[in-house]
Amino acid sequence: MDVPDGFSLADAVRSGHLGFGRGETIMLEATFHGDAAARITETPLSVGQETVRGPDDAVTVRARVHDTPQLEWWLLGFAELVEVHAPPPLRERVNRRLRAAAARYAKRHGTPAERQAETIP
């Protein structure tokens, strides 16, 4: 593979390519449950991350992070095991995407072949 002259992966990531990068610095506050709670304490999101263990071994985290598409994707990967509390715009984006996914699952039952068979008289 040919790499263009002057290309720097570090510079590309810093500039926001691949969904990583700087983004706006935010104070993320989220509660992680189950296996996600264990992971978030083993691998902190940032230096100075604060964690508080709550009921049922849930862990609430406060950490300064960059608000990037990668962060949102990462949080969505935890699905029902995380609740974003702050900042409000991030909470709303995650909430909207999870509601859309739940609505999609609620509408469809069975495999595509099974749904097609239901419509054939």
PDB file of N, CA and C in Angstrom:
ATOM      1  N   MET A   1       0.849  -1.162   0.000  1.00  0.00           N
ATOM      2  CA  MET A   1       0.000   0.000   0.000  1.00  0.00           C
ATOM      3  C   MET A   1       0.897   1.227   0.000  1.00  0.00           C
ATOM      4  N   ASP A   2       0.556   2.197  -0.832  1.00  0.00           N
ATOM      5  CA  ASP A   2       1.321   3.436  -0.917  1.00  0.00           C
ATOM      6  C   ASP A   2       0.740   4.462   0.047  1.00  0.00           C
ATOM      7  N   VAL A   3       1.606   5.019   0.874  1.00  0.00           N
ATOM      8  CA  VAL A   3       1.209   6.072   1.802  1.00  0.00           C
ATOM      9  C   VAL A   3       1.617   7.405   1.185  1.00  0.00           C
ATOM     10  N   PRO A   4       0.684   8.350   1.085  1.00  0.00           N
ATOM     11  CA  PRO A   4       1.016   9.645   0.494  1.00  0.00           C
ATOM     12  C   PRO A   4       2.153  10.331   1.250  1.00  0.00           C
ATOM     13  N   ASP A   5       2.999  11.018   0.517  1.00  0.00           N
ATOM     14  CA  ASP A   5       4.079  11.781   1.140  1.00  0.00           C
ATOM     15  C   ASP A   5       3.492  12.765   2.139  1.00  0.00           C
ATOM     16  N   GLY A   6       4.115  12.852   3.293  1.00  0.00           N
ATOM     17  CA  GLY A   6       3.685  13.805   4.313  1.00  0.00           C
ATOM     18  C   GLY A   6       2.507  13.345   5.149  1.00  0.00           C
ATOM     19  N   PHE A   7       1.978  12.129   4.886  1.00  0.00           N
ATOM     20  CA  PHE A   7       0.835  11.641   5.655  1.00  0.00           C
ATOM     21  C   PHE A   7       1.275  11.243   7.054  1.00  0.00           C
ATOM     22  N   SER A   8       0.490  11.627   8.044  1.00  0.00           N
ATOM     23  CA  SER A   8       0.736  11.251   9.429  1.00  0.00           C
ATOM     24  C   SER A   8      -0.570  10.726  10.017  1.00  0.00           C
ATOM     25  N   LEU A   9      -0.565   9.486  10.437  1.00  0.00           N
ATOM     26  CA  LEU A   9      -1.766   8.912  11.046  1.00  0.00           C
ATOM     27  C   LEU A   9      -2.158   9.700  12.285  1.00  0.00           C
ATOM     28  N   ALA A  10      -1.190  10.080  13.094  1.00  0.00           N
ATOM     29  CA  ALA A  10      -1.489  10.849  14.311  1.00  0.00           C
ATOM     30  C   ALA A  10      -2.186  12.162  13.959  1.00  0.00           C
ATOM     31  N   ASP A  11      -1.697  12.842  12.903  1.00  0.00           N
ATOM     32  CA  ASP A  11      -2.340  14.100  12.485  1.00  0.00           C
ATOM     33  C   ASP A  11      -3.749  13.848  11.965  1.00  0.00           C
ATOM     34  N   ALA A  12      -3.938  12.760  11.223  1.00  0.00           N
ATOM     35  CA  ALA A  12      -5.261  12.439  10.684  1.00  0.00           C
ATOM     36  C   ALA A  12      -6.255  12.169  11.796  1.00  0.00           C
ATOM     37  N   VAL A  13      -5.832  11.425  12.821  1.00  0.00           N
ATOM     38  CA  VAL A  13      -6.714  11.128  13.952  1.00  0.00           C
ATOM     39  C   VAL A  13      -7.019  12.409  14.715  1.00  0.00           C
ATOM     40  N   ARG A  14      -5.994  13.235  14.978  1.00  0.00           N
ATOM     41  CA  ARG A  14      -6.203  14.493  15.698  1.00  0.00           C
ATOM     42  C   ARG A  14      -7.172  15.414  14.970  1.00  0.00           C
ATOM     43  N   SER A  15      -7.176  15.376  13.655  1.00  0.00           N
ATOM     44  CA  SER A  15      -8.041  16.275  12.892  1.00  0.00           C
ATOM     45  C   SER A  15      -9.473  15.760  12.783  1.00  0.00           C
ATOM     46  N   GLY A  16      -9.732  14.568  13.330  1.00  0.00           N
ATOM     47  CA  GLY A  16     -11.108  14.077  13.375  1.00  0.00           C
ATOM     48  C   GLY A  16     -11.442  13.004  12.364  1.00  0.00           C
ATOM     49  N   HIS A  17     -10.495  12.560  11.571  1.00  0.00           N
ATOM     50  CA  HIS A  17     -10.769  11.473  10.635  1.00  0.00           C
ATOM     51  C   HIS A  17     -11.039  10.191  11.403  1.00  0.00           C
ATOM     52  N   LEU A  18     -11.811   9.317  10.832  1.00  0.00           N
ATOM     53  CA  LEU A  18     -12.166   8.019  11.420  1.00  0.00           C
ATOM     54  C   LEU A  18     -13.059   8.152  12.647  1.00  0.00           C
ATOM     55  N   GLY A  19     -13.615   9.334  12.888  1.00  0.00           N
ATOM     56  CA  GLY A  19     -14.505   9.510  14.034  1.00  0.00           C
ATOM     57  C   GLY A  19     -13.768   9.736  15.331  1.00  0.00           C
ATOM     58  N   PHE A  20     -12.446   9.677  15.308  1.00  0.00           N
ATOM     59  CA  PHE A  20     -11.660   9.989  16.501  1.00  0.00           C
ATOM     60  C   PHE A  20     -11.310  11.463  16.426  1.00  0.00           C
ATOM     61  N   GLY A  21     -10.426  11.908  17.245  1.00  0.00           N
ATOM     62  CA  GLY A  21      -9.975  13.281  17.146  1.00  0.00           C
ATOM     63  C   GLY A  21     -10.384  14.082  18.343  1.00  0.00           C
ATOM     64  N   ARG A  22     -10.234  15.357  18.216  1.00  0.00           N
ATOM     65  CA  ARG A  22     -10.405  16.225  19.360  1.00  0.00           C
ATOM     66  C   ARG A  22     -11.845  16.455  19.747  1.00  0.00           C
ATOM     67  N   GLY A  23     -12.667  16.923  18.873  1.00  0.00           N
ATOM     68  CA  GLY A  23     -14.037  17.237  19.267  1.00  0.00           C
ATOM     69  C   GLY A  23     -14.025  18.209  20.438  1.00  0.00           C
ATOM     70  N   GLU A  24     -15.165  18.553  20.920  1.00  0.00           N
ATOM     71  CA  GLU A  24     -15.282  19.436  22.077  1.00  0.00           C
ATOM     72  C   GLU A  24     -15.013  18.622  23.335  1.00  0.00           C
ATOM     73  N   THR A  25     -14.294  19.190  24.288  1.00  0.00           N
ATOM     74  CA  THR A  25     -14.072  18.502  25.558  1.00  0.00           C
ATOM     75  C   THR A  25     -15.336  18.641  26.400  1.00  0.00           C
ATOM     76  N   ILE A  26     -15.832  17.514  26.883  1.00  0.00           N
ATOM     77  CA  ILE A  26     -17.053  17.494  27.693  1.00  0.00           C
ATOM     78  C   ILE A  26     -16.788  16.749  28.997  1.00  0.00           C
ATOM     79  N   MET A  27     -17.667  16.954  29.955  1.00  0.00           N
ATOM     80  CA  MET A  27     -17.637  16.156  31.180  1.00  0.00           C
ATOM     81  C   MET A  27     -18.723  15.105  31.034  1.00  0.00           C
ATOM     82  N   LEU A  28     -18.307  13.896  30.724  1.00  0.00           N
ATOM     83  CA  LEU A  28     -19.236  12.778  30.578  1.00  0.00           C
ATOM     84  C   LEU A  28     -19.600  12.271  31.963  1.00  0.00           C
ATOM     85  N   GLU A  29     -20.879  12.093  32.192  1.00  0.00           N
ATOM     86  CA  GLU A  29     -21.348  11.420  33.400  1.00  0.00           C
ATOM     87  C   GLU A  29     -22.288  10.317  32.945  1.00  0.00           C
ATOM     88  N   ALA A  30     -21.956   9.099  33.313  1.00  0.00           N
ATOM     89  CA  ALA A  30     -22.746   7.947  32.886  1.00  0.00           C
ATOM     90  C   ALA A  30     -22.674   6.855  33.939  1.00  0.00           C
ATOM     91  N   THR A  31     -23.731   6.066  34.012  1.00  0.00           N
ATOM     92  CA  THR A  31     -23.761   4.925  34.919  1.00  0.00           C
ATOM     93  C   THR A  31     -23.704   3.652  34.103  1.00  0.00           C
ATOM     94  N   PHE A  32     -22.764   2.789  34.471  1.00  0.00           N
ATOM     95  CA  PHE A  32     -22.538   1.520  33.789  1.00  0.00           C
ATOM     96  C   PHE A  32     -22.989   0.382  34.698  1.00  0.00           C
ATOM     97  N   HIS A  33     -23.595  -0.626  34.109  1.00  0.00           N
ATOM     98  CA  HIS A  33     -24.134  -1.769  34.850  1.00  0.00           C
ATOM     99  C   HIS A  33     -23.488  -3.060  34.356  1.00  0.00           C
ATOM    100  N   GLY A  34     -23.591  -4.106  35.167  1.00  0.00           N
ATOM    101  CA  GLY A  34     -23.133  -5.435  34.760  1.00  0.00           C
ATOM    102  C   GLY A  34     -21.670  -5.458  34.341  1.00  0.00           C
ATOM    103  N   ASP A  35     -21.386  -6.181  33.263  1.00  0.00           N
ATOM    104  CA  ASP A  35     -20.017  -6.315  32.771  1.00  0.00           C
ATOM    105  C   ASP A  35     -19.419  -4.962  32.398  1.00  0.00           C
ATOM    106  N   ALA A  36     -20.243  -4.036  31.943  1.00  0.00           N
ATOM    107  CA  ALA A  36     -19.748  -2.715  31.564  1.00  0.00           C
ATOM    108  C   ALA A  36     -19.173  -1.979  32.770  1.00  0.00           C
ATOM    109  N   ALA A  37     -19.743  -2.187  33.949  1.00  0.00           N
ATOM    110  CA  ALA A  37     -19.231  -1.535  35.160  1.00  0.00           C
ATOM    111  C   ALA A  37     -17.824  -2.020  35.470  1.00  0.00           C
ATOM    112  N   ALA A  38     -17.594  -3.308  35.310  1.00  0.00           N
ATOM    113  CA  ALA A  38     -16.249  -3.846  35.551  1.00  0.00           C
ATOM    114  C   ALA A  38     -15.257  -3.287  34.549  1.00  0.00           C
ATOM    115  N   ARG A  39     -15.648  -3.223  33.284  1.00  0.00           N
ATOM    116  CA  ARG A  39     -14.744  -2.720  32.238  1.00  0.00           C
ATOM    117  C   ARG A  39     -14.351  -1.275  32.458  1.00  0.00           C
ATOM    118  N   ILE A  40     -15.312  -0.450  32.852  1.00  0.00           N
ATOM    119  CA  ILE A  40     -15.036   0.979  32.972  1.00  0.00           C
ATOM    120  C   ILE A  40     -14.107   1.271  34.143  1.00  0.00           C
ATOM    121  N   THR A  41     -14.097   0.428  35.160  1.00  0.00           N
ATOM    122  CA  THR A  41     -13.164   0.637  36.266  1.00  0.00           C
ATOM    123  C   THR A  41     -11.782   0.081  35.933  1.00  0.00           C
ATOM    124  N   GLU A  42     -11.725  -0.959  35.106  1.00  0.00           N
ATOM    125  CA  GLU A  42     -10.429  -1.545  34.717  1.00  0.00           C
ATOM    126  C   GLU A  42      -9.697  -0.682  33.701  1.00  0.00           C
ATOM    127  N   THR A  43     -10.452   0.005  32.840  1.00  0.00           N
ATOM    128  CA  THR A  43      -9.862   0.799  31.763  1.00  0.00           C
ATOM    129  C   THR A  43     -10.476   2.199  31.793  1.00  0.00           C
ATOM    130  N   PRO A  44      -9.880   3.111  32.553  1.00  0.00           N
ATOM    131  CA  PRO A  44     -10.446   4.456  32.662  1.00  0.00           C
ATOM    132  C   PRO A  44     -10.498   5.177  31.317  1.00  0.00           C
ATOM    133  N   LEU A  45     -11.476   6.068  31.183  1.00  0.00           N
ATOM    134  CA  LEU A  45     -11.636   6.867  29.972  1.00  0.00           C
ATOM    135  C   LEU A  45     -10.650   8.012  29.895  1.00  0.00           C
ATOM    136  N   SER A  46     -10.242   8.529  31.056  1.00  0.00           N
ATOM    137  CA  SER A  46      -9.332   9.669  31.065  1.00  0.00           C
ATOM    138  C   SER A  46      -8.605   9.727  32.402  1.00  0.00           C
ATOM    139  N   VAL A  47      -7.520  10.495  32.405  1.00  0.00           N
ATOM    140  CA  VAL A  47      -6.803  10.754  33.647  1.00  0.00           C
ATOM    141  C   VAL A  47      -7.728  11.569  34.540  1.00  0.00           C
ATOM    142  N   GLY A  48      -7.787  11.233  35.787  1.00  0.00           N
ATOM    143  CA  GLY A  48      -8.651  11.965  36.700  1.00  0.00           C
ATOM    144  C   GLY A  48     -10.090  11.518  36.694  1.00  0.00           C
ATOM    145  N   GLN A  49     -10.390  10.395  36.031  1.00  0.00           N
ATOM    146  CA  GLN A  49     -11.757   9.875  36.015  1.00  0.00           C
ATOM    147  C   GLN A  49     -12.223   9.613  37.442  1.00  0.00           C
ATOM    148  N   GLU A  50     -13.442  10.010  37.738  1.00  0.00           N
ATOM    149  CA  GLU A  50     -14.042   9.740  39.048  1.00  0.00           C
ATOM    150  C   GLU A  50     -15.052   8.620  38.893  1.00  0.00           C
ATOM    151  N   THR A  51     -15.010   7.652  39.809  1.00  0.00           N
ATOM    152  CA  THR A  51     -15.987   6.558  39.779  1.00  0.00           C
ATOM    153  C   THR A  51     -16.612   6.412  41.153  1.00  0.00           C
ATOM    154  N   VAL A  52     -17.909   6.153  41.147  1.00  0.00           N
ATOM    155  CA  VAL A  52     -18.644   5.917  42.385  1.00  0.00           C
ATOM    156  C   VAL A  52     -19.451   4.651  42.196  1.00  0.00           C
ATOM    157  N   ARG A  53     -19.213   3.686  43.084  1.00  0.00           N
ATOM    158  CA  ARG A  53     -19.963   2.430  43.019  1.00  0.00           C
ATOM    159  C   ARG A  53     -21.312   2.643  43.682  1.00  0.00           C
ATOM    160  N   GLY A  54     -22.363   2.209  43.004  1.00  0.00           N
ATOM    161  CA  GLY A  54     -23.719   2.394  43.501  1.00  0.00           C
ATOM    162  C   GLY A  54     -24.379   1.056  43.777  1.00  0.00           C
ATOM    163  N   PRO A  55     -25.699   1.072  43.881  1.00  0.00           N
ATOM    164  CA  PRO A  55     -26.426  -0.171  44.140  1.00  0.00           C
ATOM    165  C   PRO A  55     -26.272  -1.161  42.985  1.00  0.00           C
ATOM    166  N   ASP A  56     -26.371  -2.431  43.311  1.00  0.00           N
ATOM    167  CA  ASP A  56     -26.292  -3.504  42.313  1.00  0.00           C
ATOM    168  C   ASP A  56     -24.990  -3.463  41.523  1.00  0.00           C
ATOM    169  N   ASP A  57     -23.908  -2.988  42.154  1.00  0.00           N
ATOM    170  CA  ASP A  57     -22.587  -2.913  41.532  1.00  0.00           C
ATOM    171  C   ASP A  57     -22.539  -2.003  40.310  1.00  0.00           C
ATOM    172  N   ALA A  58     -23.506  -1.114  40.162  1.00  0.00           N
ATOM    173  CA  ALA A  58     -23.440  -0.110  39.095  1.00  0.00           C
ATOM    174  C   ALA A  58     -22.313   0.861  39.424  1.00  0.00           C
ATOM    175  N   VAL A  59     -21.695   1.414  38.386  1.00  0.00           N
ATOM    176  CA  VAL A  59     -20.613   2.372  38.572  1.00  0.00           C
ATOM    177  C   VAL A  59     -20.956   3.646  37.799  1.00  0.00           C
ATOM    178  N   THR A  60     -20.984   4.771  38.510  1.00  0.00           N
ATOM    179  CA  THR A  60     -21.184   6.058  37.858  1.00  0.00           C
ATOM    180  C   THR A  60     -19.821   6.692  37.653  1.00  0.00           C
ATOM    181  N   VAL A  61     -19.609   7.152  36.429  1.00  0.00           N
ATOM    182  CA  VAL A  61     -18.320   7.699  36.014  1.00  0.00           C
ATOM    183  C   VAL A  61     -18.488   9.155  35.628  1.00  0.00           C
ATOM    184  N   ARG A  62     -17.520   9.962  36.035  1.00  0.00           N
ATOM    185  CA  ARG A  62     -17.380  11.332  35.543  1.00  0.00           C
ATOM    186  C   ARG A  62     -15.981  11.430  34.976  1.00  0.00           C
ATOM    187  N   ALA A  63     -15.909  11.809  33.689  1.00  0.00           N
ATOM    188  CA  ALA A  63     -14.607  11.871  33.027  1.00  0.00           C
ATOM    189  C   ALA A  63     -14.626  12.940  31.950  1.00  0.00           C
ATOM    190  N   ARG A  64     -13.516  13.661  31.821  1.00  0.00           N
ATOM    191  CA  ARG A  64     -13.355  14.626  30.728  1.00  0.00           C
ATOM    192  C   ARG A  64     -12.914  13.854  29.491  1.00  0.00           C
ATOM    193  N   VAL A  65     -13.740  13.942  28.452  1.00  0.00           N
ATOM    194  CA  VAL A  65     -13.478  13.224  27.200  1.00  0.00           C
ATOM    195  C   VAL A  65     -13.813  14.140  26.030  1.00  0.00           C
ATOM    196  N   HIS A  66     -13.432  13.711  24.852  1.00  0.00           N
ATOM    197  CA  HIS A  66     -13.772  14.458  23.643  1.00  0.00           C
ATOM    198  C   HIS A  66     -15.090  13.926  23.087  1.00  0.00           C
ATOM    199  N   ASP A  67     -15.985  14.830  22.754  1.00  0.00           N
ATOM    200  CA  ASP A  67     -17.289  14.465  22.194  1.00  0.00           C
ATOM    201  C   ASP A  67     -17.114  14.206  20.702  1.00  0.00           C
ATOM    202  N   THR A  68     -16.949  12.950  20.349  1.00  0.00           N
ATOM    203  CA  THR A  68     -16.695  12.548  18.969  1.00  0.00           C
ATOM    204  C   THR A  68     -17.700  11.479  18.553  1.00  0.00           C
ATOM    205  N   PRO A  69     -17.832  11.239  17.262  1.00  0.00           N
ATOM    206  CA  PRO A  69     -18.668  10.114  16.820  1.00  0.00           C
ATOM    207  C   PRO A  69     -18.195   8.783  17.411  1.00  0.00           C
ATOM    208  N   GLN A  70     -16.893   8.641  17.599  1.00  0.00           N
ATOM    209  CA  GLN A  70     -16.357   7.407  18.182  1.00  0.00           C
ATOM    210  C   GLN A  70     -16.861   7.215  19.618  1.00  0.00           C
ATOM    211  N   LEU A  71     -16.933   8.286  20.408  1.00  0.00           N
ATOM    212  CA  LEU A  71     -17.454   8.190  21.774  1.00  0.00           C
ATOM    213  C   LEU A  71     -18.902   7.721  21.755  1.00  0.00           C
ATOM    214  N   GLU A  72     -19.696   8.329  20.895  1.00  0.00           N
ATOM    215  CA  GLU A  72     -21.114   7.949  20.796  1.00  0.00           C
ATOM    216  C   GLU A  72     -21.246   6.484  20.393  1.00  0.00           C
ATOM    217  N   TRP A  73     -20.482   6.070  19.401  1.00  0.00           N
ATOM    218  CA  TRP A  73     -20.506   4.676  18.938  1.00  0.00           C
ATOM    219  C   TRP A  73     -20.130   3.743  20.080  1.00  0.00           C
ATOM    220  N   TRP A  74     -19.103   4.117  20.827  1.00  0.00           N
ATOM    221  CA  TRP A  74     -18.629   3.300  21.945  1.00  0.00           C
ATOM    222  C   TRP A  74     -19.719   3.162  23.007  1.00  0.00           C
ATOM    223  N   LEU A  75     -20.358   4.270  23.365  1.00  0.00           N
ATOM    224  CA  LEU A  75     -21.434   4.220  24.359  1.00  0.00           C
ATOM    225  C   LEU A  75     -22.601   3.371  23.866  1.00  0.00           C
ATOM    226  N   LEU A  76     -22.987   3.530  22.603  1.00  0.00           N
ATOM    227  CA  LEU A  76     -24.090   2.744  22.052  1.00  0.00           C
ATOM    228  C   LEU A  76     -23.791   1.254  22.076  1.00  0.00           C
ATOM    229  N   GLY A  77     -22.541   0.885  22.015  1.00  0.00           N
ATOM    230  CA  GLY A  77     -22.155  -0.518  22.072  1.00  0.00           C
ATOM    231  C   GLY A  77     -22.514  -1.177  23.398  1.00  0.00           C
ATOM    232  N   PHE A  78     -22.672  -0.380  24.443  1.00  0.00           N
ATOM    233  CA  PHE A  78     -23.068  -0.926  25.745  1.00  0.00           C
ATOM    234  C   PHE A  78     -24.582  -1.076  25.876  1.00  0.00           C
ATOM    235  N   ALA A  79     -25.336  -0.473  24.961  1.00  0.00           N
ATOM    236  CA  ALA A  79     -26.803  -0.571  24.906  1.00  0.00           C
ATOM    237  C   ALA A  79     -27.429  -0.396  26.285  1.00  0.00           C
ATOM    238  N   GLU A  80     -28.121  -1.431  26.761  1.00  0.00           N
ATOM    239  CA  GLU A  80     -28.864  -1.324  28.019  1.00  0.00           C
ATOM    240  C   GLU A  80     -27.960  -1.297  29.253  1.00  0.00           C
ATOM    241  N   LEU A  81     -26.659  -1.463  29.087  1.00  0.00           N
ATOM    242  CA  LEU A  81     -25.747  -1.493  30.229  1.00  0.00           C
ATOM    243  C   LEU A  81     -25.195  -0.121  30.604  1.00  0.00           C
ATOM    244  N   VAL A  82     -25.613   0.933  29.902  1.00  0.00           N
ATOM    245  CA  VAL A  82     -25.143   2.279  30.227  1.00  0.00           C
ATOM    246  C   VAL A  82     -26.288   3.268  30.130  1.00  0.00           C
ATOM    247  N   GLU A  83     -26.260   4.256  31.016  1.00  0.00           N
ATOM    248  CA  GLU A  83     -27.160   5.405  30.905  1.00  0.00           C
ATOM    249  C   GLU A  83     -26.311   6.654  30.980  1.00  0.00           C
ATOM    250  N   VAL A  84     -26.357   7.452  29.927  1.00  0.00           N
ATOM    251  CA  VAL A  84     -25.640   8.719  29.892  1.00  0.00           C
ATOM    252  C   VAL A  84     -26.493   9.757  30.613  1.00  0.00           C
ATOM    253  N   HIS A  85     -25.893  10.431  31.580  1.00  0.00           N
ATOM    254  CA  HIS A  85     -26.602  11.468  32.332  1.00  0.00           C
ATOM    255  C   HIS A  85     -26.262  12.866  31.805  1.00  0.00           C
ATOM    256  N   ALA A  86     -25.009  13.066  31.441  1.00  0.00           N
ATOM    257  CA  ALA A  86     -24.564  14.391  30.996  1.00  0.00           C
ATOM    258  C   ALA A  86     -23.380  14.235  30.056  1.00  0.00           C
ATOM    259  N   PRO A  87     -23.228  15.181  29.167  1.00  0.00           N
ATOM    260  CA  PRO A  87     -24.015  16.396  28.984  1.00  0.00           C
ATOM    261  C   PRO A  87     -25.340  16.094  28.288  1.00  0.00           C
ATOM    262  N   PRO A  88     -26.339  16.966  28.471  1.00  0.00           N
ATOM    263  CA  PRO A  88     -27.657  16.711  27.890  1.00  0.00           C
ATOM    264  C   PRO A  88     -27.671  16.457  26.383  1.00  0.00           C
ATOM    265  N   PRO A  89     -26.880  17.168  25.562  1.00  0.00           N
ATOM    266  CA  PRO A  89     -26.939  16.869  24.119  1.00  0.00           C
ATOM    267  C   PRO A  89     -26.486  15.448  23.782  1.00  0.00           C
ATOM    268  N   LEU A  90     -25.474  14.951  24.481  1.00  0.00           N
ATOM    269  CA  LEU A  90     -25.017  13.580  24.246  1.00  0.00           C
ATOM    270  C   LEU A  90     -26.070  12.590  24.737  1.00  0.00           C
ATOM    271  N   ARG A  91     -26.641  12.857  25.900  1.00  0.00           N
ATOM    272  CA  ARG A  91     -27.705  11.980  26.409  1.00  0.00           C
ATOM    273  C   ARG A  91     -28.838  11.875  25.394  1.00  0.00           C
ATOM    274  N   GLU A  92     -29.248  13.009  24.826  1.00  0.00           N
ATOM    275  CA  GLU A  92     -30.348  13.004  23.871  1.00  0.00           C
ATOM    276  C   GLU A  92     -29.980  12.248  22.595  1.00  0.00           C
ATOM    277  N   ARG A  93     -28.760  12.406  22.098  1.00  0.00           N
ATOM    278  CA  ARG A  93     -28.352  11.687  20.887  1.00  0.00           C
ATOM    279  C   ARG A  93     -28.369  10.175  21.127  1.00  0.00           C
ATOM    280  N   VAL A  94     -27.833   9.735  22.251  1.00  0.00           N
ATOM    281  CA  VAL A  94     -27.824   8.305  22.564  1.00  0.00           C
ATOM    282  C   VAL A  94     -29.250   7.808  22.755  1.00  0.00           C
ATOM    283  N   ASN A  95     -30.052   8.560  23.485  1.00  0.00           N
ATOM    284  CA  ASN A  95     -31.452   8.208  23.723  1.00  0.00           C
ATOM    285  C   ASN A  95     -32.204   8.061  22.399  1.00  0.00           C
ATOM    286  N   ARG A  96     -32.035   9.031  21.505  1.00  0.00           N
ATOM    287  CA  ARG A  96     -32.726   9.004  20.212  1.00  0.00           C
ATOM    288  C   ARG A  96     -32.325   7.768  19.400  1.00  0.00           C
ATOM    289  N   ARG A  97     -31.057   7.436  19.381  1.00  0.00           N
ATOM    290  CA  ARG A  97     -30.602   6.282  18.593  1.00  0.00           C
ATOM    291  C   ARG A  97     -31.104   4.968  19.192  1.00  0.00           C
ATOM    292  N   LEU A  98     -31.102   4.860  20.512  1.00  0.00           N
ATOM    293  CA  LEU A  98     -31.596   3.633  21.147  1.00  0.00           C
ATOM    294  C   LEU A  98     -33.105   3.479  20.978  1.00  0.00           C
ATOM    295  N   ARG A  99     -33.844   4.599  21.056  1.00  0.00           N
ATOM    296  CA  ARG A  99     -35.300   4.530  20.822  1.00  0.00           C
ATOM    297  C   ARG A  99     -35.587   4.099  19.391  1.00  0.00           C
ATOM    298  N   ALA A 100     -34.824   4.612  18.433  1.00  0.00           N
ATOM    299  CA  ALA A 100     -35.021   4.237  17.030  1.00  0.00           C
ATOM    300  C   ALA A 100     -34.748   2.745  16.837  1.00  0.00           C
ATOM    301  N   ALA A 101     -33.709   2.233  17.488  1.00  0.00           N
ATOM    302  CA  ALA A 101     -33.407   0.808  17.379  1.00  0.00           C
ATOM    303  C   ALA A 101     -34.523  -0.026  18.009  1.00  0.00           C
ATOM    304  N   ALA A 102     -34.994   0.391  19.179  1.00  0.00           N
ATOM    305  CA  ALA A 102     -36.076  -0.349  19.847  1.00  0.00           C
ATOM    306  C   ALA A 102     -37.337  -0.340  18.994  1.00  0.00           C
ATOM    307  N   ALA A 103     -37.651   0.785  18.369  1.00  0.00           N
ATOM    308  CA  ALA A 103     -38.832   0.862  17.511  1.00  0.00           C
ATOM    309  C   ALA A 103     -38.697  -0.073  16.317  1.00  0.00           C
ATOM    310  N   ARG A 104     -37.507  -0.150  15.766  1.00  0.00           N
ATOM    311  CA  ARG A 104     -37.284  -1.056  14.627  1.00  0.00           C
ATOM    312  C   ARG A 104     -37.513  -2.509  15.051  1.00  0.00           C
ATOM    313  N   TYR A 105     -36.996  -2.874  16.209  1.00  0.00           N
ATOM    314  CA  TYR A 105     -37.174  -4.247  16.679  1.00  0.00           C
ATOM    315  C   TYR A 105     -38.630  -4.527  17.030  1.00  0.00           C
ATOM    316  N   ALA A 106     -39.332  -3.540  17.550  1.00  0.00           N
ATOM    317  CA  ALA A 106     -40.735  -3.729  17.927  1.00  0.00           C
ATOM    318  C   ALA A 106     -41.620  -3.948  16.710  1.00  0.00           C
ATOM    319  N   LYS A 107     -41.281  -3.343  15.579  1.00  0.00           N
ATOM    320  CA  LYS A 107     -42.093  -3.459  14.367  1.00  0.00           C
ATOM    321  C   LYS A 107     -41.920  -4.797  13.671  1.00  0.00           C
ATOM    322  N   ARG A 108     -40.755  -5.364  13.752  1.00  0.00           N
ATOM    323  CA  ARG A 108     -40.466  -6.552  12.949  1.00  0.00           C
ATOM    324  C   ARG A 108     -40.414  -7.795  13.818  1.00  0.00           C
ATOM    325  N   HIS A 109     -41.051  -8.825  13.329  1.00  0.00           N
ATOM    326  CA  HIS A 109     -41.060 -10.091  14.048  1.00  0.00           C
ATOM    327  C   HIS A 109     -40.565 -11.164  13.097  1.00  0.00           C
ATOM    328  N   GLY A 110     -39.705 -12.010  13.582  1.00  0.00           N
ATOM    329  CA  GLY A 110     -39.216 -13.109  12.756  1.00  0.00           C
ATOM    330  C   GLY A 110     -38.151 -12.677  11.774  1.00  0.00           C
ATOM    331  N   THR A 111     -37.730 -13.631  10.958  1.00  0.00           N
ATOM    332  CA  THR A 111     -36.725 -13.364   9.940  1.00  0.00           C
ATOM    333  C   THR A 111     -37.395 -12.725   8.730  1.00  0.00           C
ATOM    334  N   PRO A 112     -36.615 -12.150   7.813  1.00  0.00           N
ATOM    335  CA  PRO A 112     -37.231 -11.608   6.592  1.00  0.00           C
ATOM    336  C   PRO A 112     -38.043 -12.662   5.833  1.00  0.00           C
ATOM    337  N   ALA A 113     -37.565 -13.891   5.769  1.00  0.00           N
ATOM    338  CA  ALA A 113     -38.301 -14.954   5.067  1.00  0.00           C
ATOM    339  C   ALA A 113     -39.626 -15.248   5.767  1.00  0.00           C
ATOM    340  N   GLU A 114     -39.607 -15.263   7.106  1.00  0.00           N
ATOM    341  CA  GLU A 114     -40.847 -15.509   7.851  1.00  0.00           C
ATOM    342  C   GLU A 114     -41.854 -14.366   7.657  1.00  0.00           C
ATOM    343  N   ARG A 115     -41.337 -13.132   7.632  1.00  0.00           N
ATOM    344  CA  ARG A 115     -42.249 -11.994   7.398  1.00  0.00           C
ATOM    345  C   ARG A 115     -42.835 -12.046   6.004  1.00  0.00           C
ATOM    346  N   GLN A 116     -42.029 -12.450   5.024  1.00  0.00           N
ATOM    347  CA  GLN A 116     -42.531 -12.534   3.656  1.00  0.00           C
ATOM    348  C   GLN A 116     -43.597 -13.631   3.566  1.00  0.00           C
ATOM    349  N   ALA A 117     -43.369 -14.750   4.230  1.00  0.00           N
ATOM    350  CA  ALA A 117     -44.329 -15.857   4.196  1.00  0.00           C
ATOM    351  C   ALA A 117     -45.662 -15.430   4.798  1.00  0.00           C
ATOM    352  N   GLU A 118     -45.622 -14.529   5.812  1.00  0.00           N
ATOM    353  CA  GLU A 118     -46.871 -14.064   6.420  1.00  0.00           C
ATOM    354  C   GLU A 118     -47.708 -13.257   5.435  1.00  0.00           C
ATOM    355  N   THR A 119     -47.088 -12.617   4.457  1.00  0.00           N
ATOM    356  CA  THR A 119     -47.818 -11.760   3.540  1.00  0.00           C
ATOM    357  C   THR A 119     -48.306 -12.505   2.296  1.00  0.00           C
ATOM    358  N   ILE A 120     -47.830 -13.722   2.100  1.00  0.00           N
ATOM    359  CA  ILE A 120     -48.253 -14.501   0.911  1.00  0.00           C
ATOM    360  C   ILE A 120     -49.545 -15.227   1.236  1.00  0.00           C
ATOM    361  N   PRO A 121     -50.607 -14.984   0.440  1.00  0.00           N
ATOM    362  CA  PRO A 121     -51.901 -15.623   0.722  1.00  0.00           C
ATOM    363  C   PRO A 121     -51.889 -17.115   0.433  1.00  0.00           C
TER     364      PRO A 121
END
